[in-house]
Amino acid sequence: MLRSLQKGLSLVELMISLTIGSVITAGVVQLFSANSDTYNVMIGQSRLQESARFAFDFIGRDLYKAGYLGCLSNNEQLYWTAAGDGDDIPYEFDLRSGLEGYDASGAGLWSPSPGLADLPSTIGVNNTNVFVDGTGINTDKIVSGTDVLTVRNLLQQDVGIRLAESMDPSRVPIKVLVDEEAGLAGLGFSQGDLAMIHDCEKGTIFQVTDVTLNGKTALATTNTVEVEIAHLKDAPDPWRNTILTLALKNSFDADAMVSAIETNIYFIAPGAGENSSGDTPLSLWRKSGTTGPVELVEGIENLQILYGVSTDGNRTPNRYRRANEVNMKDVVTVRVTVFANTIDDVGGTSATTHGCSIQNCAYTLDGGDLSEYDGNPGNLNGRDGLMRRAFTKTFMLRNRS
């Protein structure tokens, strides 16, 4: 009986095995890669939807309060106690307009209308129209082609800060009652800020020169403490009050309230983070009151706003116009469009919505490049691998007569 001398695999068998193994391995790698790409796309889509939802939550919450003046019927009854006319009211406290818009459709590559010169800005060590130095917006960072929105209103509280007693013209401080647990923080303002005293007949914006917590008094109810709000006049500060009564006619009685003033400015600028490609994503920012700007939502690259105007006196808009085409007193709705992206590169092929790449705003809106280019071929014509989607929502203004 002959015994086989063959041991192991022949060269042909080995080559066949390697070929089959390579095909299987390539299929597994391709399947893994496809699944990874699909996963990244799904995560990116979820992220951009979430970013848009957060952006609408922030903007809508403020728009619903826009122009709120307590029981005052309109801002024609507002008075300003500082010397000069109303045009010198600090931007962060100017309640004469519940809305201000800056449209990006001006002439040239980017010339917002009206211009951004009246915004509170801090560029380097230079402060313009800023109530507190160092808290302004770096307007040079606002992304070209995007709109800016300012919303103002009185602070809305569950229990308003009411006067403890009628104002006595012979005594400077205003006595108010605040929640005992909240204390001075419940006022919503502090020494040096501007606030508003108001009833249903009139309202006055004045500067708070001091606040003192008196604690429990005979005037205070069970859950409140008394606070004295001073409003000295004719001091060196240009915002100081010119009259002690704070009213041109009559006086403020115990039914009057003192409220903080809220001003929120929304704009688009580069964020503080970095994406998977090492680029800086664009974000929705907000400057609130006298504090510095805060990054709210990453991945929002464009903000476009139209204002609904009623020309027949009712609250139903019959036309939508840009900020530079309307009188804000006639606006009854605001249509907000945000353009969200996936932040990270997921292989998207869409161009940016504001005419520039994530790295360099040197591109026109139709995708044609200008003289500047950041050296990254992926960013040519504003294409950076991000997926993009526009979301639109219309908000009705509640504080319109």
Protein backbone atom coordinates (compact mmCIF):
# COMPACT_ATOMS: atom_id res chain seq x y z
CA MET A 1 0.00 0.00 0.00
CA LEU A 2 1.42 3.34 -1.08
CA ARG A 3 1.57 6.13 1.47
CA SER A 4 0.92 9.83 0.35
CA LEU A 5 3.94 12.05 0.73
CA GLN A 6 1.92 15.40 0.50
CA LYS A 7 2.01 17.60 3.63
CA GLY A 8 0.31 21.06 4.12
CA LEU A 9 -1.11 23.14 1.24
CA SER A 10 0.00 23.47 -2.29
CA LEU A 11 0.87 26.89 -3.74
CA VAL A 12 -2.34 26.93 -5.75
CA GLU A 13 -4.44 26.12 -2.69
CA LEU A 14 -2.65 28.81 -0.67
CA MET A 15 -3.27 31.42 -3.34
CA ILE A 16 -6.93 30.45 -3.56
CA SER A 17 -7.26 30.69 0.25
CA LEU A 18 -5.56 34.09 0.36
CA THR A 19 -7.80 35.37 -2.42
CA ILE A 20 -10.96 34.21 -0.69
CA GLY A 21 -9.74 35.63 2.63
CA SER A 22 -8.91 38.96 1.02
CA VAL A 23 -12.34 39.20 -0.56
CA ILE A 24 -14.05 38.44 2.76
CA THR A 25 -11.82 40.90 4.63
CA ALA A 26 -12.44 43.62 2.05
CA GLY A 27 -16.17 43.02 2.33
CA VAL A 28 -16.07 43.25 6.11
CA VAL A 29 -13.99 46.46 5.96
CA GLN A 30 -16.32 47.95 3.36
CA LEU A 31 -19.36 47.01 5.43
CA PHE A 32 -17.80 48.52 8.55
CA SER A 33 -16.86 51.68 6.66
CA ALA A 34 -20.35 52.01 5.19
CA ASN A 35 -21.94 51.47 8.59
CA SER A 36 -19.56 54.04 10.11
CA ASP A 37 -20.38 56.58 7.40
CA THR A 38 -24.11 55.95 7.86
CA TYR A 39 -23.76 56.31 11.62
CA ASN A 40 -21.88 59.61 11.23
CA VAL A 41 -24.53 60.94 8.83
CA MET A 42 -27.34 59.96 11.20
CA ILE A 43 -25.57 61.53 14.17
CA GLY A 44 -24.92 64.65 12.11
CA GLN A 45 -28.55 64.92 11.04
CA SER A 46 -29.74 64.47 14.61
CA ARG A 47 -27.27 67.07 15.78
CA LEU A 48 -28.32 69.70 13.27
CA GLN A 49 -32.00 69.14 14.12
CA GLU A 50 -31.23 69.44 17.80
CA SER A 51 -29.21 72.63 17.22
CA ALA A 52 -32.09 74.21 15.31
CA ARG A 53 -34.55 73.26 18.05
CA PHE A 54 -32.36 74.81 20.74
CA ALA A 55 -31.91 77.96 18.64
CA PHE A 56 -35.68 78.38 18.24
CA ASP A 57 -36.21 77.77 21.96
CA PHE A 58 -33.83 80.57 22.91
CA ILE A 59 -35.00 83.08 20.30
CA GLY A 60 -38.70 82.26 20.66
CA ARG A 61 -38.66 82.58 24.43
CA ASP A 62 -37.45 86.16 24.10
CA LEU A 63 -39.64 87.07 21.13
CA TYR A 64 -42.76 86.11 23.08
CA LYS A 65 -41.72 88.69 25.72
CA ALA A 66 -40.68 91.39 23.22
CA GLY A 67 -42.07 94.80 24.12
CA TYR A 68 -43.55 93.71 27.46
CA LEU A 69 -44.11 96.86 29.59
CA GLY A 70 -46.31 95.60 32.38
CA CYS A 71 -49.78 97.12 32.22
CA LEU A 72 -48.61 100.08 30.12
CA SER A 73 -50.50 100.11 26.84
CA ASN A 74 -47.59 101.47 24.75
CA ASN A 75 -44.11 102.93 25.00
CA GLU A 76 -45.35 106.45 24.22
CA GLN A 77 -45.92 106.74 27.98
CA LEU A 78 -42.27 106.13 28.80
CA TYR A 79 -40.08 108.81 30.36
CA TRP A 80 -36.32 108.99 30.75
CA THR A 81 -34.94 110.81 33.80
CA ALA A 82 -31.38 111.50 32.69
CA ALA A 83 -30.39 114.78 31.11
CA GLY A 84 -30.91 115.07 27.36
CA ASP A 85 -33.50 113.49 25.10
CA GLY A 86 -34.39 109.82 24.78
CA ASP A 87 -31.74 109.25 22.13
CA ASP A 88 -29.09 108.99 24.82
CA ILE A 89 -30.67 106.04 26.63
CA PRO A 90 -28.02 103.29 26.84
CA TYR A 91 -28.61 100.60 24.22
CA GLU A 92 -28.98 97.83 26.81
CA PHE A 93 -31.93 99.66 28.46
CA ASP A 94 -33.72 101.40 25.59
CA LEU A 95 -37.28 100.11 25.97
CA ARG A 96 -38.68 102.50 23.39
CA SER A 97 -38.44 99.63 20.93
CA GLY A 98 -39.16 96.03 21.83
CA LEU A 99 -37.49 94.91 18.59
CA GLU A 100 -34.53 96.01 16.51
CA GLY A 101 -33.30 94.21 13.44
CA TYR A 102 -30.17 94.48 11.32
CA ASP A 103 -30.56 93.05 7.85
CA ALA A 104 -27.65 91.59 5.89
CA SER A 105 -28.97 92.47 2.44
CA GLY A 106 -27.29 95.86 2.14
CA ALA A 107 -25.16 96.91 -0.81
CA GLY A 108 -21.68 95.45 -1.21
CA LEU A 109 -20.27 92.10 -0.01
CA TRP A 110 -21.79 92.70 3.42
CA SER A 111 -23.30 95.98 4.45
CA PRO A 112 -26.01 95.38 7.07
CA SER A 113 -28.89 97.80 7.10
CA PRO A 114 -29.13 99.60 9.40
CA GLY A 115 -25.42 99.49 10.21
CA LEU A 116 -24.04 97.84 13.32
CA ALA A 117 -22.48 101.03 14.68
CA ASP A 118 -25.10 101.46 17.42
CA LEU A 119 -24.61 97.95 18.84
CA PRO A 120 -22.69 97.74 22.13
CA SER A 121 -19.28 96.60 20.90
CA THR A 122 -15.93 95.72 22.43
CA ILE A 123 -13.12 95.27 19.92
CA GLY A 124 -9.81 94.82 21.68
CA VAL A 125 -9.61 97.62 24.25
CA ASN A 126 -12.10 99.84 22.41
CA ASN A 127 -15.64 100.01 23.81
CA THR A 128 -18.52 101.65 21.92
CA ASN A 129 -22.07 102.14 23.24
CA VAL A 130 -21.29 99.75 26.10
CA PHE A 131 -22.80 100.34 29.55
CA VAL A 132 -20.14 98.15 31.21
CA ASP A 133 -16.71 98.18 29.56
CA GLY A 134 -15.54 94.86 28.19
CA THR A 135 -19.02 93.36 27.79
CA GLY A 136 -19.75 94.40 24.20
CA ILE A 137 -19.91 92.32 21.03
CA ASN A 138 -16.88 92.01 18.80
CA THR A 139 -18.81 93.15 15.73
CA ASP A 140 -15.84 92.27 13.52
CA LYS A 141 -16.58 88.60 14.28
CA ILE A 142 -20.24 88.69 13.21
CA VAL A 143 -20.44 86.48 10.12
CA SER A 144 -21.05 88.35 6.89
CA GLY A 145 -24.43 87.84 5.29
CA THR A 146 -26.21 87.01 8.56
CA ASP A 147 -28.88 89.05 10.37
CA VAL A 148 -28.76 90.41 13.91
CA LEU A 149 -31.79 90.60 16.22
CA THR A 150 -32.31 92.65 19.40
CA VAL A 151 -35.24 91.95 21.75
CA ARG A 152 -36.17 94.12 24.75
CA ASN A 153 -38.73 93.82 27.52
CA LEU A 154 -39.32 94.23 31.23
CA LEU A 155 -38.34 91.23 33.33
CA GLN A 156 -41.42 89.06 33.84
CA GLN A 157 -41.73 87.62 37.35
CA ASP A 158 -44.33 85.43 39.03
CA VAL A 159 -44.74 88.14 41.66
CA GLY A 160 -43.90 91.69 40.59
CA ILE A 161 -41.73 93.97 42.73
CA ARG A 162 -44.42 96.31 44.10
CA LEU A 163 -43.94 99.51 46.06
CA ALA A 164 -44.39 99.08 49.79
CA GLU A 165 -45.93 102.56 50.00
CA SER A 166 -46.60 105.59 47.82
CA MET A 167 -43.53 107.60 46.86
CA ASP A 168 -42.77 110.56 49.10
CA PRO A 169 -41.18 113.36 47.01
CA SER A 170 -39.32 114.58 50.10
CA ARG A 171 -37.54 111.23 50.56
CA VAL A 172 -35.23 109.80 47.93
CA PRO A 173 -35.36 105.98 48.30
CA ILE A 174 -38.19 103.92 46.86
CA LYS A 175 -39.44 101.23 49.22
CA VAL A 176 -40.36 97.91 47.60
CA LEU A 177 -41.19 94.42 48.83
CA VAL A 178 -39.25 91.42 47.52
CA ASP A 179 -39.45 87.70 48.18
CA GLU A 180 -37.67 86.93 51.43
CA GLU A 181 -35.87 83.88 50.07
CA ALA A 182 -34.63 85.64 46.91
CA GLY A 183 -33.49 88.80 48.71
CA LEU A 184 -31.69 91.42 46.62
CA ALA A 185 -31.17 88.89 43.81
CA GLY A 186 -34.93 88.90 43.32
CA LEU A 187 -34.78 92.47 42.01
CA GLY A 188 -33.09 91.46 38.78
CA PHE A 189 -30.87 94.56 38.87
CA SER A 190 -28.17 95.99 41.09
CA GLN A 191 -26.53 99.29 41.96
CA GLY A 192 -25.63 101.32 38.87
CA ASP A 193 -28.09 99.57 36.56
CA LEU A 194 -31.09 101.22 34.96
CA ALA A 195 -34.56 99.99 35.94
CA MET A 196 -38.14 101.05 35.30
CA ILE A 197 -40.82 102.18 37.72
CA HIS A 198 -44.27 101.89 36.19
CA ASP A 199 -48.01 101.70 36.68
CA CYS A 200 -50.81 101.48 34.12
CA GLU A 201 -50.59 105.20 33.39
CA LYS A 202 -46.88 105.90 32.98
CA GLY A 203 -43.40 104.49 33.24
CA THR A 204 -39.98 105.96 33.94
CA ILE A 205 -36.53 104.55 33.23
CA PHE A 206 -34.14 105.65 35.98
CA GLN A 207 -30.72 104.79 37.38
CA VAL A 208 -30.49 102.81 40.60
CA THR A 209 -27.79 104.49 42.67
CA ASP A 210 -27.99 102.13 45.66
CA VAL A 211 -29.98 99.20 47.04
CA THR A 212 -30.36 98.40 50.73
CA LEU A 213 -32.00 95.37 52.30
CA ASN A 214 -33.99 96.53 55.32
CA GLY A 215 -35.26 93.09 56.25
CA LYS A 216 -38.58 92.51 57.96
CA THR A 217 -40.59 95.62 58.68
CA ALA A 218 -44.16 96.41 59.64
CA LEU A 219 -44.87 97.02 55.95
CA ALA A 220 -43.56 93.64 54.81
CA THR A 221 -45.92 90.70 54.43
CA THR A 222 -45.18 87.21 55.73
CA ASN A 223 -42.95 86.08 52.83
CA THR A 224 -41.41 89.43 51.86
CA VAL A 225 -38.72 91.79 53.06
CA GLU A 226 -38.34 95.50 52.39
CA VAL A 227 -35.69 96.92 50.08
CA GLU A 228 -34.84 100.60 49.60
CA ILE A 229 -33.87 101.67 46.07
CA ALA A 230 -32.03 104.99 45.91
CA HIS A 231 -32.15 107.18 42.80
CA LEU A 232 -29.92 110.17 43.50
CA LYS A 233 -29.88 113.03 41.02
CA ASP A 234 -27.31 115.28 39.37
CA ALA A 235 -24.29 113.07 40.09
CA PRO A 236 -21.27 112.92 37.71
CA ASP A 237 -22.50 109.74 36.03
CA PRO A 238 -24.16 110.77 32.73
CA TRP A 239 -27.08 108.42 33.37
CA ARG A 240 -28.04 109.90 36.74
CA ASN A 241 -31.59 111.08 37.33
CA THR A 242 -32.69 114.70 36.97
CA ILE A 243 -35.82 114.57 39.13
CA LEU A 244 -36.59 112.81 42.41
CA THR A 245 -40.28 112.17 41.84
CA LEU A 246 -39.58 110.04 38.73
CA ALA A 247 -42.93 111.20 37.32
CA LEU A 248 -43.82 114.19 35.18
CA LYS A 249 -47.41 114.11 36.38
CA ASN A 250 -49.09 112.68 39.46
CA SER A 251 -46.94 110.26 41.45
CA PHE A 252 -46.27 106.55 41.82
CA ASP A 253 -48.52 104.96 44.41
CA ALA A 254 -48.41 101.58 46.12
CA ASP A 255 -49.86 99.89 43.05
CA ALA A 256 -46.74 100.77 41.01
CA MET A 257 -43.91 98.30 40.39
CA VAL A 258 -40.17 98.44 39.78
CA SER A 259 -38.84 96.06 37.12
CA ALA A 260 -35.50 95.14 35.63
CA ILE A 261 -34.96 95.73 31.90
CA GLU A 262 -33.95 92.82 29.67
CA THR A 263 -32.14 93.25 26.36
CA ASN A 264 -31.00 90.22 24.34
CA ILE A 265 -28.97 90.49 21.14
CA TYR A 266 -28.68 87.44 18.85
CA PHE A 267 -25.97 87.08 16.20
CA ILE A 268 -23.79 84.52 14.39
CA ALA A 269 -20.04 84.33 15.04
CA PRO A 270 -17.27 81.70 15.25
CA GLY A 271 -17.63 79.49 18.30
CA ALA A 272 -15.07 78.58 20.92
CA GLY A 273 -14.82 74.90 19.98
CA GLU A 274 -13.18 72.85 17.24
CA ASN A 275 -14.64 70.18 15.00
CA SER A 276 -13.16 66.87 13.83
CA SER A 277 -11.36 68.62 10.95
CA GLY A 278 -9.69 71.14 13.23
CA ASP A 279 -11.96 73.98 12.02
CA THR A 280 -13.93 76.41 14.19
CA PRO A 281 -17.69 75.90 13.80
CA LEU A 282 -20.00 78.89 13.64
CA SER A 283 -22.48 79.36 16.48
CA LEU A 284 -25.52 81.31 17.63
CA TRP A 285 -24.46 83.87 20.26
CA ARG A 286 -26.44 86.07 22.64
CA LYS A 287 -25.52 89.15 24.62
CA SER A 288 -27.89 89.60 27.56
CA GLY A 289 -28.16 92.91 29.41
CA THR A 290 -24.86 94.23 30.70
CA THR A 291 -23.10 90.86 30.59
CA GLY A 292 -20.73 89.75 27.85
CA PRO A 293 -21.78 87.64 24.84
CA VAL A 294 -22.32 83.91 25.45
CA GLU A 295 -22.17 81.10 22.87
CA LEU A 296 -25.58 79.40 22.89
CA VAL A 297 -25.76 76.82 20.10
CA GLU A 298 -22.88 75.37 18.10
CA GLY A 299 -23.43 74.58 14.44
CA ILE A 300 -25.79 77.45 13.58
CA GLU A 301 -24.13 79.17 10.65
CA ASN A 302 -26.79 81.60 9.45
CA LEU A 303 -29.68 83.62 10.86
CA GLN A 304 -32.22 85.24 8.54
CA ILE A 305 -35.26 87.13 9.79
CA LEU A 306 -38.38 88.55 8.14
CA TYR A 307 -40.89 90.74 9.93
CA GLY A 308 -44.63 90.28 9.44
CA VAL A 309 -46.48 93.58 9.07
CA SER A 310 -50.21 94.18 9.20
CA THR A 311 -51.33 97.06 7.00
CA ASP A 312 -55.03 96.83 7.86
CA GLY A 313 -54.84 97.27 11.63
CA ASN A 314 -55.42 93.68 12.74
CA ARG A 315 -52.93 91.17 14.13
CA THR A 316 -52.69 89.09 10.96
CA PRO A 317 -49.63 89.90 8.84
CA ASN A 318 -50.28 90.40 5.14
CA ARG A 319 -46.68 90.94 4.10
CA TYR A 320 -43.19 90.03 5.29
CA ARG A 321 -40.34 92.46 4.96
CA ARG A 322 -36.72 92.83 5.98
CA ALA A 323 -35.66 94.86 8.99
CA ASN A 324 -34.71 97.92 6.97
CA GLU A 325 -38.10 97.95 5.23
CA VAL A 326 -40.46 98.06 8.22
CA ASN A 327 -41.46 100.21 11.16
CA MET A 328 -40.97 97.88 14.13
CA LYS A 329 -44.11 99.27 15.77
CA ASP A 330 -46.14 97.70 12.95
CA VAL A 331 -44.60 94.24 13.29
CA VAL A 332 -46.95 91.53 14.61
CA THR A 333 -45.00 88.36 13.77
CA VAL A 334 -41.36 87.45 13.26
CA ARG A 335 -40.31 84.70 10.85
CA VAL A 336 -36.96 83.23 11.90
CA THR A 337 -34.86 80.99 9.66
CA VAL A 338 -31.76 79.29 11.03
CA PHE A 339 -29.31 77.28 8.95
CA ALA A 340 -27.86 74.42 10.96
CA ASN A 341 -24.97 72.14 10.04
CA THR A 342 -23.54 68.84 11.27
CA ILE A 343 -20.46 70.57 12.79
CA ASP A 344 -18.24 67.64 11.77
CA ASP A 345 -17.37 66.53 8.23
CA VAL A 346 -19.81 63.77 7.18
CA GLY A 347 -19.09 63.93 3.46
CA GLY A 348 -21.70 66.55 2.66
CA THR A 349 -21.40 68.43 -0.61
CA SER A 350 -23.51 71.52 0.09
CA ALA A 351 -21.95 74.97 0.04
CA THR A 352 -22.14 77.25 3.05
CA THR A 353 -25.25 79.41 3.35
CA HIS A 354 -23.46 82.67 4.07
CA GLY A 355 -21.01 82.60 1.20
CA CYS A 356 -17.91 81.55 3.08
CA SER A 357 -16.23 78.39 4.30
CA ILE A 358 -16.06 77.41 7.93
CA GLN A 359 -12.50 78.77 7.92
CA ASN A 360 -12.65 81.80 5.69
CA CYS A 361 -15.44 84.25 4.80
CA ALA A 362 -13.97 85.12 1.42
CA TYR A 363 -16.60 83.65 -0.86
CA THR A 364 -19.60 85.08 -2.61
CA LEU A 365 -23.10 83.76 -2.02
CA ASP A 366 -23.18 81.95 -5.38
CA GLY A 367 -20.09 79.92 -4.48
CA GLY A 368 -17.57 81.85 -6.57
CA ASP A 369 -14.29 82.49 -4.80
CA LEU A 370 -12.69 85.89 -4.32
CA SER A 371 -9.03 86.77 -4.07
CA GLU A 372 -8.53 85.20 -0.63
CA TYR A 373 -8.26 81.47 -0.09
CA ASP A 374 -7.26 79.59 3.04
CA GLY A 375 -5.25 76.86 1.30
CA ASN A 376 -7.64 73.99 2.05
CA PRO A 377 -9.02 72.55 -1.22
CA GLY A 378 -11.98 71.13 0.69
CA ASN A 379 -13.03 74.68 1.51
CA LEU A 380 -12.91 75.98 -2.05
CA ASN A 381 -16.23 77.56 -2.96
CA GLY A 382 -17.37 77.16 0.63
CA ARG A 383 -17.63 73.33 0.58
CA ASP A 384 -16.33 71.71 3.75
CA GLY A 385 -18.01 68.30 4.00
CA LEU A 386 -20.81 69.47 6.30
CA MET A 387 -24.48 68.72 5.74
CA ARG A 388 -26.81 71.70 6.06
CA ARG A 389 -30.50 72.29 6.48
CA ALA A 390 -32.70 75.36 6.83
CA PHE A 391 -35.38 75.50 9.54
CA THR A 392 -38.08 78.20 9.67
CA LYS A 393 -40.51 79.12 12.41
CA THR A 394 -42.87 82.05 12.79
CA PHE A 395 -43.46 83.67 16.20
CA MET A 396 -46.40 85.88 17.04
CA LEU A 397 -45.61 88.92 19.20
CA ARG A 398 -47.86 88.87 22.24
CA ASN A 399 -47.33 92.45 23.36
CA ARG A 400 -48.92 94.32 20.49
CA SER A 401 -52.05 96.47 20.82
